[in-house]
């Protein structure tokens, strides 16, 4: 039964595109139809195994950047390193909240609290994101995500990762984002988050449900920019390493790039981004990619929570 469910998830909820079929963006445009206007951005994610790169995080980032840059150059995609401190590290803490049995995940929701740093100290306020995940395109977009009593923003993002056999996988998540002080989050149980996103209190769980924190200690760098055809400006390239303990060895790295805007007017960028992702896997899969990379579909969160497909 578990295998059957896994197959349903893989082929029913994700857009898995055979190498010789239409590009992923074409498949998505065909399936999404008029709802495509709700997509606000696209991100490409390539997961890297820590054991395949240098143990020093800064050196590992440079190693990944250099190899990805070489792959991009063969496709006439320019990647330009920043002149000043391209591999400077920016720490962050991302904490994901769920019940011990992952009831929120199973119901298609994800709560994330991000702590950034300024001058070496945790900054306030905290950034809170509540996401609709793990469903078909129409189901995720139908998720009611509205923040109450705070200024907020929302987005729906198309994510591109590596699937089985190196085929590209597309999945959509939707989020509402806002900021709060630590005190405004109370005990960080379901009621505390539900006070700002009421939909969380309509999932059939008691309001006083205690949530478990799953913490990712991150180090991020933005070493430079990439130029994709069809975009009016270069886009930032990001790399991030996640550890389970502060200062601990990373358990996953990623190389990612993305852009916002009207999905229907970025066809050339979609085409080039997909070709680059396929080339990264074809040329660097053995050298860099996570083991069973297709089970994580580019999601560090799945790795953190041990939620493979």
C-alpha atoms as a PDB file:
ATOM      1  CA  UNK A   1       0.000   0.000   0.000  1.00  0.00           C
ATOM      2  CA  UNK A   2       2.846   2.387   0.859  1.00  0.00           C
ATOM      3  CA  UNK A   3       4.416   1.811  -2.560  1.00  0.00           C
ATOM      4  CA  UNK A   4       1.105   2.504  -4.271  1.00  0.00           C
ATOM      5  CA  UNK A   5       0.684   5.762  -2.360  1.00  0.00           C
ATOM      6  CA  UNK A   6       4.222   6.727  -3.285  1.00  0.00           C
ATOM      7  CA  UNK A   7       3.494   6.180  -6.950  1.00  0.00           C
ATOM      8  CA  UNK A   8       0.294   8.181  -6.700  1.00  0.00           C
ATOM      9  CA  UNK A   9       2.233  11.055  -5.164  1.00  0.00           C
ATOM     10  CA  UNK A  10       4.940  10.853  -7.772  1.00  0.00           C
ATOM     11  CA  UNK A  11       2.724  10.654 -10.829  1.00  0.00           C
ATOM     12  CA  UNK A  12      -0.489  12.249  -9.569  1.00  0.00           C
ATOM     13  CA  UNK A  13       0.666  15.295  -7.645  1.00  0.00           C
ATOM     14  CA  UNK A  14       3.851  16.212  -9.500  1.00  0.00           C
ATOM     15  CA  UNK A  15       4.536  17.090 -13.103  1.00  0.00           C
ATOM     16  CA  UNK A  16       7.160  14.481 -14.033  1.00  0.00           C
ATOM     17  CA  UNK A  17       8.300  15.092 -17.586  1.00  0.00           C
ATOM     18  CA  UNK A  18      10.075  12.405 -19.685  1.00  0.00           C
ATOM     19  CA  UNK A  19      13.258  13.609 -21.333  1.00  0.00           C
ATOM     20  CA  UNK A  20      11.810  13.590 -24.858  1.00  0.00           C
ATOM     21  CA  UNK A  21       8.394  14.971 -23.947  1.00  0.00           C
ATOM     22  CA  UNK A  22       7.407  18.607 -23.881  1.00  0.00           C
ATOM     23  CA  UNK A  23       9.335  20.795 -21.484  1.00  0.00           C
ATOM     24  CA  UNK A  24       7.965  21.066 -17.957  1.00  0.00           C
ATOM     25  CA  UNK A  25       6.802  24.643 -18.434  1.00  0.00           C
ATOM     26  CA  UNK A  26       4.764  23.575 -21.481  1.00  0.00           C
ATOM     27  CA  UNK A  27       3.118  20.790 -19.530  1.00  0.00           C
ATOM     28  CA  UNK A  28       2.347  23.188 -16.695  1.00  0.00           C
ATOM     29  CA  UNK A  29       0.849  25.836 -18.967  1.00  0.00           C
ATOM     30  CA  UNK A  30      -1.376  23.173 -20.511  1.00  0.00           C
ATOM     31  CA  UNK A  31      -2.573  21.912 -17.105  1.00  0.00           C
ATOM     32  CA  UNK A  32      -2.822  25.211 -15.234  1.00  0.00           C
ATOM     33  CA  UNK A  33      -4.711  27.121 -17.938  1.00  0.00           C
ATOM     34  CA  UNK A  34      -6.210  30.338 -16.527  1.00  0.00           C
ATOM     35  CA  UNK A  35      -4.848  29.705 -13.018  1.00  0.00           C
ATOM     36  CA  UNK A  36      -1.307  30.332 -14.238  1.00  0.00           C
ATOM     37  CA  UNK A  37      -1.824  34.005 -13.346  1.00  0.00           C
ATOM     38  CA  UNK A  38      -1.673  32.997  -9.678  1.00  0.00           C
ATOM     39  CA  UNK A  39       1.939  31.793  -9.985  1.00  0.00           C
ATOM     40  CA  UNK A  40       4.246  34.546  -8.773  1.00  0.00           C
ATOM     41  CA  UNK A  41       7.660  32.953  -9.238  1.00  0.00           C
ATOM     42  CA  UNK A  42       9.770  29.945 -10.155  1.00  0.00           C
ATOM     43  CA  UNK A  43      12.743  28.393  -8.343  1.00  0.00           C
ATOM     44  CA  UNK A  44      15.191  25.696  -9.460  1.00  0.00           C
ATOM     45  CA  UNK A  45      16.818  23.548  -6.751  1.00  0.00           C
ATOM     46  CA  UNK A  46      19.727  21.099  -7.006  1.00  0.00           C
ATOM     47  CA  UNK A  47      20.594  19.199  -3.809  1.00  0.00           C
ATOM     48  CA  UNK A  48      24.242  18.435  -3.057  1.00  0.00           C
ATOM     49  CA  UNK A  49      25.603  15.705  -0.766  1.00  0.00           C
ATOM     50  CA  UNK A  50      27.914  17.083   1.967  1.00  0.00           C
ATOM     51  CA  UNK A  51      30.218  14.060   1.728  1.00  0.00           C
ATOM     52  CA  UNK A  52      30.964  14.940  -1.908  1.00  0.00           C
ATOM     53  CA  UNK A  53      32.328  18.419  -1.213  1.00  0.00           C
ATOM     54  CA  UNK A  54      34.941  20.008   1.027  1.00  0.00           C
ATOM     55  CA  UNK A  55      34.260  19.771   4.770  1.00  0.00           C
ATOM     56  CA  UNK A  56      34.804  23.535   5.042  1.00  0.00           C
ATOM     57  CA  UNK A  57      31.502  25.232   4.151  1.00  0.00           C
ATOM     58  CA  UNK A  58      33.068  28.233   2.387  1.00  0.00           C
ATOM     59  CA  UNK A  59      35.302  25.990   0.276  1.00  0.00           C
ATOM     60  CA  UNK A  60      32.345  23.718  -0.449  1.00  0.00           C
ATOM     61  CA  UNK A  61      30.302  26.666  -1.733  1.00  0.00           C
ATOM     62  CA  UNK A  62      33.141  27.739  -4.040  1.00  0.00           C
ATOM     63  CA  UNK A  63      33.522  24.176  -5.284  1.00  0.00           C
ATOM     64  CA  UNK A  64      29.809  23.930  -6.116  1.00  0.00           C
ATOM     65  CA  UNK A  65      29.773  27.390  -7.730  1.00  0.00           C
ATOM     66  CA  UNK A  66      32.801  26.676  -9.937  1.00  0.00           C
ATOM     67  CA  UNK A  67      31.427  23.370 -11.189  1.00  0.00           C
ATOM     68  CA  UNK A  68      27.944  24.780 -11.832  1.00  0.00           C
ATOM     69  CA  UNK A  69      29.490  27.772 -13.629  1.00  0.00           C
ATOM     70  CA  UNK A  70      31.358  25.438 -15.983  1.00  0.00           C
ATOM     71  CA  UNK A  71      28.147  23.559 -16.791  1.00  0.00           C
ATOM     72  CA  UNK A  72      26.267  26.808 -17.410  1.00  0.00           C
ATOM     73  CA  UNK A  73      28.998  28.134 -19.702  1.00  0.00           C
ATOM     74  CA  UNK A  74      28.542  25.168 -22.036  1.00  0.00           C
ATOM     75  CA  UNK A  75      24.935  26.320 -22.488  1.00  0.00           C
ATOM     76  CA  UNK A  76      26.005  29.937 -23.038  1.00  0.00           C
ATOM     77  CA  UNK A  77      24.519  30.908 -19.676  1.00  0.00           C
ATOM     78  CA  UNK A  78      26.674  33.490 -17.942  1.00  0.00           C
ATOM     79  CA  UNK A  79      27.369  33.257 -14.201  1.00  0.00           C
ATOM     80  CA  UNK A  80      29.297  36.213 -12.782  1.00  0.00           C
ATOM     81  CA  UNK A  81      30.944  36.212  -9.373  1.00  0.00           C
ATOM     82  CA  UNK A  82      30.580  39.276  -7.155  1.00  0.00           C
ATOM     83  CA  UNK A  83      33.726  41.367  -6.835  1.00  0.00           C
ATOM     84  CA  UNK A  84      33.489  41.768  -3.066  1.00  0.00           C
ATOM     85  CA  UNK A  85      33.257  38.825  -0.636  1.00  0.00           C
ATOM     86  CA  UNK A  86      31.395  36.464  -2.995  1.00  0.00           C
ATOM     87  CA  UNK A  87      31.486  33.601  -0.505  1.00  0.00           C
ATOM     88  CA  UNK A  88      30.658  35.558   2.634  1.00  0.00           C
ATOM     89  CA  UNK A  89      28.440  33.464   4.921  1.00  0.00           C
ATOM     90  CA  UNK A  90      25.088  34.614   6.293  1.00  0.00           C
ATOM     91  CA  UNK A  91      23.714  32.495   9.172  1.00  0.00           C
ATOM     92  CA  UNK A  92      20.023  31.802   9.564  1.00  0.00           C
ATOM     93  CA  UNK A  93      17.806  29.504  11.599  1.00  0.00           C
ATOM     94  CA  UNK A  94      14.691  27.984  10.051  1.00  0.00           C
ATOM     95  CA  UNK A  95      12.337  26.220  12.434  1.00  0.00           C
ATOM     96  CA  UNK A  96       9.489  24.062  11.152  1.00  0.00           C
ATOM     97  CA  UNK A  97       6.572  23.261  13.454  1.00  0.00           C
ATOM     98  CA  UNK A  98       4.299  20.222  13.312  1.00  0.00           C
ATOM     99  CA  UNK A  99       2.714  17.669  15.601  1.00  0.00           C
ATOM    100  CA  UNK A 100       4.851  14.661  16.578  1.00  0.00           C
ATOM    101  CA  UNK A 101       2.976  12.569  13.978  1.00  0.00           C
ATOM    102  CA  UNK A 102       3.180  15.295  11.295  1.00  0.00           C
ATOM    103  CA  UNK A 103      -0.561  15.935  11.174  1.00  0.00           C
ATOM    104  CA  UNK A 104      -0.072  19.356   9.542  1.00  0.00           C
ATOM    105  CA  UNK A 105       2.154  17.888   6.828  1.00  0.00           C
ATOM    106  CA  UNK A 106      -0.425  15.195   6.117  1.00  0.00           C
ATOM    107  CA  UNK A 107      -3.129  17.854   5.820  1.00  0.00           C
ATOM    108  CA  UNK A 108      -1.022  19.872   3.391  1.00  0.00           C
ATOM    109  CA  UNK A 109       0.313  22.624   5.676  1.00  0.00           C
ATOM    110  CA  UNK A 110       3.761  23.749   6.746  1.00  0.00           C
ATOM    111  CA  UNK A 111       4.690  26.344   9.395  1.00  0.00           C
ATOM    112  CA  UNK A 112       8.129  27.945   9.213  1.00  0.00           C
ATOM    113  CA  UNK A 113       9.727  30.574  11.448  1.00  0.00           C
ATOM    114  CA  UNK A 114      12.920  32.162  10.152  1.00  0.00           C
ATOM    115  CA  UNK A 115      15.473  33.895  12.356  1.00  0.00           C
ATOM    116  CA  UNK A 116      18.005  36.062  10.549  1.00  0.00           C
ATOM    117  CA  UNK A 117      21.133  37.578  12.070  1.00  0.00           C
ATOM    118  CA  UNK A 118      22.489  41.102  12.218  1.00  0.00           C
ATOM    119  CA  UNK A 119      26.052  41.765  13.391  1.00  0.00           C
ATOM    120  CA  UNK A 120      26.269  38.248  14.764  1.00  0.00           C
ATOM    121  CA  UNK A 121      23.064  38.367  16.830  1.00  0.00           C
ATOM    122  CA  UNK A 122      19.539  37.018  16.167  1.00  0.00           C
ATOM    123  CA  UNK A 123      17.419  39.771  14.672  1.00  0.00           C
ATOM    124  CA  UNK A 124      13.848  40.703  15.480  1.00  0.00           C
ATOM    125  CA  UNK A 125      11.166  40.469  14.240  1.00  0.00           C
ATOM    126  CA  UNK A 126      10.957  36.862  13.107  1.00  0.00           C
ATOM    127  CA  UNK A 127       9.622  35.973   9.666  1.00  0.00           C
ATOM    128  CA  UNK A 128       6.669  33.580   9.748  1.00  0.00           C
ATOM    129  CA  UNK A 129       5.488  31.622   6.701  1.00  0.00           C
ATOM    130  CA  UNK A 130       2.490  29.301   6.565  1.00  0.00           C
ATOM    131  CA  UNK A 131       2.433  27.220   3.404  1.00  0.00           C
ATOM    132  CA  UNK A 132       0.025  25.058   1.476  1.00  0.00           C
ATOM    133  CA  UNK A 133       1.970  22.037   0.202  1.00  0.00           C
ATOM    134  CA  UNK A 134       1.868  18.399  -0.936  1.00  0.00           C
ATOM    135  CA  UNK A 135      -1.116  18.567  -3.220  1.00  0.00           C
ATOM    136  CA  UNK A 136      -2.127  18.946  -6.825  1.00  0.00           C
ATOM    137  CA  UNK A 137      -1.780  22.377  -8.370  1.00  0.00           C
ATOM    138  CA  UNK A 138      -5.471  23.182  -7.996  1.00  0.00           C
ATOM    139  CA  UNK A 139      -5.630  21.898  -4.416  1.00  0.00           C
ATOM    140  CA  UNK A 140      -2.622  23.931  -3.287  1.00  0.00           C
ATOM    141  CA  UNK A 141      -3.913  27.106  -4.920  1.00  0.00           C
ATOM    142  CA  UNK A 142      -7.333  26.560  -3.331  1.00  0.00           C
ATOM    143  CA  UNK A 143      -5.770  26.506   0.145  1.00  0.00           C
ATOM    144  CA  UNK A 144      -7.122  29.509   2.034  1.00  0.00           C
ATOM    145  CA  UNK A 145      -4.119  31.324   3.454  1.00  0.00           C
ATOM    146  CA  UNK A 146      -4.887  34.746   4.880  1.00  0.00           C
ATOM    147  CA  UNK A 147      -3.158  36.492   7.759  1.00  0.00           C
ATOM    148  CA  UNK A 148      -5.268  38.222  10.413  1.00  0.00           C
ATOM    149  CA  UNK A 149      -4.261  41.366  12.249  1.00  0.00           C
ATOM    150  CA  UNK A 150      -0.818  41.727  10.667  1.00  0.00           C
ATOM    151  CA  UNK A 151       0.580  43.111   7.445  1.00  0.00           C
ATOM    152  CA  UNK A 152       1.333  40.191   5.136  1.00  0.00           C
ATOM    153  CA  UNK A 153       2.326  39.158   1.641  1.00  0.00           C
ATOM    154  CA  UNK A 154       1.493  36.019  -0.289  1.00  0.00           C
ATOM    155  CA  UNK A 155       3.064  34.054  -3.124  1.00  0.00           C
ATOM    156  CA  UNK A 156       2.632  30.855  -5.110  1.00  0.00           C
ATOM    157  CA  UNK A 157       5.835  29.363  -6.453  1.00  0.00           C
ATOM    158  CA  UNK A 158       6.602  26.739  -9.072  1.00  0.00           C
ATOM    159  CA  UNK A 159       9.533  24.619  -7.874  1.00  0.00           C
ATOM    160  CA  UNK A 160      11.756  22.601 -10.207  1.00  0.00           C
ATOM    161  CA  UNK A 161      13.791  19.679  -8.868  1.00  0.00           C
ATOM    162  CA  UNK A 162      15.367  16.439 -10.019  1.00  0.00           C
ATOM    163  CA  UNK A 163      13.055  13.446 -10.221  1.00  0.00           C
ATOM    164  CA  UNK A 164      13.553   9.785 -11.011  1.00  0.00           C
ATOM    165  CA  UNK A 165      16.035   9.066 -13.773  1.00  0.00           C
ATOM    166  CA  UNK A 166      17.115  12.692 -13.883  1.00  0.00           C
ATOM    167  CA  UNK A 167      13.730  13.837 -15.186  1.00  0.00           C
ATOM    168  CA  UNK A 168      12.565  17.224 -13.989  1.00  0.00           C
ATOM    169  CA  UNK A 169       9.820  17.504 -11.398  1.00  0.00           C
ATOM    170  CA  UNK A 170       7.537  20.480 -10.856  1.00  0.00           C
ATOM    171  CA  UNK A 171       5.528  21.151  -7.723  1.00  0.00           C
ATOM    172  CA  UNK A 172       3.747  24.250  -6.456  1.00  0.00           C
ATOM    173  CA  UNK A 173       3.562  25.655  -2.956  1.00  0.00           C
ATOM    174  CA  UNK A 174       1.602  28.655  -1.735  1.00  0.00           C
ATOM    175  CA  UNK A 175       2.486  30.829   1.241  1.00  0.00           C
ATOM    176  CA  UNK A 176       1.381  33.724   3.377  1.00  0.00           C
ATOM    177  CA  UNK A 177       4.272  35.596   5.021  1.00  0.00           C
ATOM    178  CA  UNK A 178       4.410  38.080   7.891  1.00  0.00           C
ATOM    179  CA  UNK A 179       6.662  39.167  10.751  1.00  0.00           C
ATOM    180  CA  UNK A 180       6.190  38.908  14.512  1.00  0.00           C
ATOM    181  CA  UNK A 181       8.280  39.394  17.611  1.00  0.00           C
ATOM    182  CA  UNK A 182       9.168  36.343  19.680  1.00  0.00           C
ATOM    183  CA  UNK A 183       6.717  37.435  22.360  1.00  0.00           C
ATOM    184  CA  UNK A 184       3.843  37.635  19.887  1.00  0.00           C
ATOM    185  CA  UNK A 185       4.293  33.938  19.088  1.00  0.00           C
ATOM    186  CA  UNK A 186       3.549  32.869  22.664  1.00  0.00           C
ATOM    187  CA  UNK A 187       4.154  29.159  23.274  1.00  0.00           C
ATOM    188  CA  UNK A 188       4.263  28.453  19.539  1.00  0.00           C
ATOM    189  CA  UNK A 189       1.437  25.939  19.726  1.00  0.00           C
ATOM    190  CA  UNK A 190      -1.312  25.602  17.132  1.00  0.00           C
ATOM    191  CA  UNK A 191      -3.486  28.296  18.714  1.00  0.00           C
ATOM    192  CA  UNK A 192      -0.621  30.799  18.686  1.00  0.00           C
ATOM    193  CA  UNK A 193      -0.099  30.409  14.950  1.00  0.00           C
ATOM    194  CA  UNK A 194      -3.831  30.031  14.323  1.00  0.00           C
ATOM    195  CA  UNK A 195      -4.424  33.448  15.897  1.00  0.00           C
ATOM    196  CA  UNK A 196      -2.749  34.898  12.806  1.00  0.00           C
ATOM    197  CA  UNK A 197      -3.717  32.267  10.203  1.00  0.00           C
ATOM    198  CA  UNK A 198      -7.223  31.082  11.215  1.00  0.00           C
ATOM    199  CA  UNK A 199      -7.252  28.314   8.613  1.00  0.00           C
ATOM    200  CA  UNK A 200      -4.890  26.355  10.883  1.00  0.00           C
ATOM    201  CA  UNK A 201      -7.693  26.085  13.441  1.00  0.00           C
ATOM    202  CA  UNK A 202     -10.051  24.495  10.901  1.00  0.00           C
ATOM    203  CA  UNK A 203      -8.042  21.315  10.359  1.00  0.00           C
ATOM    204  CA  UNK A 204      -9.777  19.223  13.003  1.00  0.00           C
ATOM    205  CA  UNK A 205      -6.957  19.533  15.556  1.00  0.00           C
ATOM    206  CA  UNK A 206      -7.466  20.911  19.097  1.00  0.00           C
ATOM    207  CA  UNK A 207      -6.436  24.552  19.380  1.00  0.00           C
ATOM    208  CA  UNK A 208      -4.057  23.760  22.241  1.00  0.00           C
ATOM    209  CA  UNK A 209      -2.192  21.137  20.172  1.00  0.00           C
ATOM    210  CA  UNK A 210       1.487  21.294  21.070  1.00  0.00           C
ATOM    211  CA  UNK A 211       3.875  21.481  18.143  1.00  0.00           C
ATOM    212  CA  UNK A 212       7.340  19.992  17.798  1.00  0.00           C
ATOM    213  CA  UNK A 213      10.162  22.172  16.481  1.00  0.00           C
ATOM    214  CA  UNK A 214      12.431  20.848  13.723  1.00  0.00           C
ATOM    215  CA  UNK A 215      15.403  23.175  13.434  1.00  0.00           C
ATOM    216  CA  UNK A 216      17.730  23.769  10.494  1.00  0.00           C
ATOM    217  CA  UNK A 217      20.813  25.855  11.236  1.00  0.00           C
ATOM    218  CA  UNK A 218      21.687  27.406   7.898  1.00  0.00           C
ATOM    219  CA  UNK A 219      24.661  29.063   6.277  1.00  0.00           C
ATOM    220  CA  UNK A 220      23.888  30.859   3.028  1.00  0.00           C
ATOM    221  CA  UNK A 221      25.950  32.673   0.466  1.00  0.00           C
ATOM    222  CA  UNK A 222      25.004  34.542  -2.681  1.00  0.00           C
ATOM    223  CA  UNK A 223      28.239  34.467  -4.680  1.00  0.00           C
ATOM    224  CA  UNK A 224      26.996  36.106  -7.847  1.00  0.00           C
ATOM    225  CA  UNK A 225      24.450  36.362 -10.615  1.00  0.00           C
ATOM    226  CA  UNK A 226      23.180  34.386 -13.571  1.00  0.00           C
ATOM    227  CA  UNK A 227      21.812  35.717 -16.832  1.00  0.00           C
ATOM    228  CA  UNK A 228      18.931  33.799 -18.373  1.00  0.00           C
ATOM    229  CA  UNK A 229      17.368  34.788 -21.693  1.00  0.00           C
ATOM    230  CA  UNK A 230      13.960  36.404 -21.488  1.00  0.00           C
ATOM    231  CA  UNK A 231      14.570  38.186 -18.178  1.00  0.00           C
ATOM    232  CA  UNK A 232      15.145  41.921 -17.912  1.00  0.00           C
ATOM    233  CA  UNK A 233      17.854  41.635 -15.264  1.00  0.00           C
ATOM    234  CA  UNK A 234      20.374  39.091 -13.893  1.00  0.00           C
ATOM    235  CA  UNK A 235      19.110  36.856 -11.120  1.00  0.00           C
ATOM    236  CA  UNK A 236      20.847  36.024  -7.862  1.00  0.00           C
ATOM    237  CA  UNK A 237      22.289  32.552  -7.306  1.00  0.00           C
ATOM    238  CA  UNK A 238      21.958  31.167  -3.790  1.00  0.00           C
ATOM    239  CA  UNK A 239      23.671  28.299  -2.026  1.00  0.00           C
ATOM    240  CA  UNK A 240      22.767  27.079   1.437  1.00  0.00           C
ATOM    241  CA  UNK A 241      24.057  24.481   3.891  1.00  0.00           C
ATOM    242  CA  UNK A 242      21.811  23.081   6.632  1.00  0.00           C
ATOM    243  CA  UNK A 243      22.971  21.497   9.894  1.00  0.00           C
ATOM    244  CA  UNK A 244      20.934  19.879  12.664  1.00  0.00           C
ATOM    245  CA  UNK A 245      22.961  21.547  15.405  1.00  0.00           C
ATOM    246  CA  UNK A 246      24.491  24.996  15.697  1.00  0.00           C
ATOM    247  CA  UNK A 247      27.962  24.819  14.194  1.00  0.00           C
ATOM    248  CA  UNK A 248      27.451  21.170  13.239  1.00  0.00           C
ATOM    249  CA  UNK A 249      28.383  19.455   9.993  1.00  0.00           C
ATOM    250  CA  UNK A 250      25.879  20.062   7.164  1.00  0.00           C
ATOM    251  CA  UNK A 251      23.470  17.271   6.230  1.00  0.00           C
ATOM    252  CA  UNK A 252      22.470  18.895   2.928  1.00  0.00           C
ATOM    253  CA  UNK A 253      23.578  21.654   0.554  1.00  0.00           C
ATOM    254  CA  UNK A 254      21.631  23.226  -2.271  1.00  0.00           C
ATOM    255  CA  UNK A 255      22.362  25.286  -5.352  1.00  0.00           C
ATOM    256  CA  UNK A 256      19.357  27.347  -6.388  1.00  0.00           C
ATOM    257  CA  UNK A 257      18.245  30.165  -8.634  1.00  0.00           C
ATOM    258  CA  UNK A 258      14.887  31.674  -9.431  1.00  0.00           C
ATOM    259  CA  UNK A 259      12.851  34.648 -10.568  1.00  0.00           C
ATOM    260  CA  UNK A 260       9.481  36.320 -10.054  1.00  0.00           C
ATOM    261  CA  UNK A 261       7.072  37.704 -12.614  1.00  0.00           C
ATOM    262  CA  UNK A 262       4.456  36.762 -15.171  1.00  0.00           C
ATOM    263  CA  UNK A 263       4.973  33.047 -15.873  1.00  0.00           C
ATOM    264  CA  UNK A 264       3.519  33.329 -19.385  1.00  0.00           C
ATOM    265  CA  UNK A 265       6.013  36.035 -20.391  1.00  0.00           C
ATOM    266  CA  UNK A 266       9.134  34.178 -19.253  1.00  0.00           C
ATOM    267  CA  UNK A 267       9.136  31.267 -21.690  1.00  0.00           C
ATOM    268  CA  UNK A 268      12.760  31.686 -22.764  1.00  0.00           C
ATOM    269  CA  UNK A 269      13.886  31.774 -19.139  1.00  0.00           C
ATOM    270  CA  UNK A 270      11.865  28.644 -18.320  1.00  0.00           C
ATOM    271  CA  UNK A 271      13.394  26.827 -21.271  1.00  0.00           C
ATOM    272  CA  UNK A 272      16.958  27.831 -20.367  1.00  0.00           C
ATOM    273  CA  UNK A 273      16.476  27.111 -16.653  1.00  0.00           C
ATOM    274  CA  UNK A 274      15.181  23.627 -17.359  1.00  0.00           C
ATOM    275  CA  UNK A 275      18.061  22.883 -19.725  1.00  0.00           C
ATOM    276  CA  UNK A 276      20.522  24.023 -17.066  1.00  0.00           C
ATOM    277  CA  UNK A 277      18.927  21.801 -14.420  1.00  0.00           C
ATOM    278  CA  UNK A 278      19.071  18.796 -16.723  1.00  0.00           C
ATOM    279  CA  UNK A 279      22.713  19.555 -17.533  1.00  0.00           C
ATOM    280  CA  UNK A 280      23.630  19.947 -13.862  1.00  0.00           C
ATOM    281  CA  UNK A 281      22.285  16.490 -13.131  1.00  0.00           C
ATOM    282  CA  UNK A 282      23.767  14.897 -16.261  1.00  0.00           C
ATOM    283  CA  UNK A 283      27.235  16.343 -15.676  1.00  0.00           C
ATOM    284  CA  UNK A 284      27.408  16.692 -11.896  1.00  0.00           C
ATOM    285  CA  UNK A 285      24.962  14.072 -10.629  1.00  0.00           C
ATOM    286  CA  UNK A 286      27.636  11.515  -9.809  1.00  0.00           C
ATOM    287  CA  UNK A 287      30.040  14.138  -8.480  1.00  0.00           C
ATOM    288  CA  UNK A 288      27.707  16.187  -6.310  1.00  0.00           C
ATOM    289  CA  UNK A 289      24.089  15.041  -6.061  1.00  0.00           C
ATOM    290  CA  UNK A 290      22.512  13.625  -2.903  1.00  0.00           C
ATOM    291  CA  UNK A 291      21.984   9.884  -2.793  1.00  0.00           C
ATOM    292  CA  UNK A 292      18.487   9.027  -4.047  1.00  0.00           C
ATOM    293  CA  UNK A 293      18.169  12.664  -5.075  1.00  0.00           C
ATOM    294  CA  UNK A 294      14.872  11.944  -6.850  1.00  0.00           C
ATOM    295  CA  UNK A 295      13.171  11.109  -3.540  1.00  0.00           C
ATOM    296  CA  UNK A 296      13.750  14.648  -2.240  1.00  0.00           C
ATOM    297  CA  UNK A 297      12.725  16.545  -5.455  1.00  0.00           C
ATOM    298  CA  UNK A 298      14.975  19.465  -4.556  1.00  0.00           C
ATOM    299  CA  UNK A 299      13.446  20.042  -1.116  1.00  0.00           C
ATOM    300  CA  UNK A 300      15.781  20.531   1.854  1.00  0.00           C
ATOM    301  CA  UNK A 301      12.700  20.466   4.073  1.00  0.00           C
ATOM    302  CA  UNK A 302      11.925  16.900   3.011  1.00  0.00           C
ATOM    303  CA  UNK A 303      15.484  15.945   3.971  1.00  0.00           C
ATOM    304  CA  UNK A 304      15.217  17.706   7.347  1.00  0.00           C
ATOM    305  CA  UNK A 305      11.890  16.059   8.179  1.00  0.00           C
ATOM    306  CA  UNK A 306      12.826  12.733   6.557  1.00  0.00           C
ATOM    307  CA  UNK A 307       9.889  12.891   4.144  1.00  0.00           C
ATOM    308  CA  UNK A 308      11.114  11.221   0.940  1.00  0.00           C
ATOM    309  CA  UNK A 309       8.632  10.401  -1.781  1.00  0.00           C
END
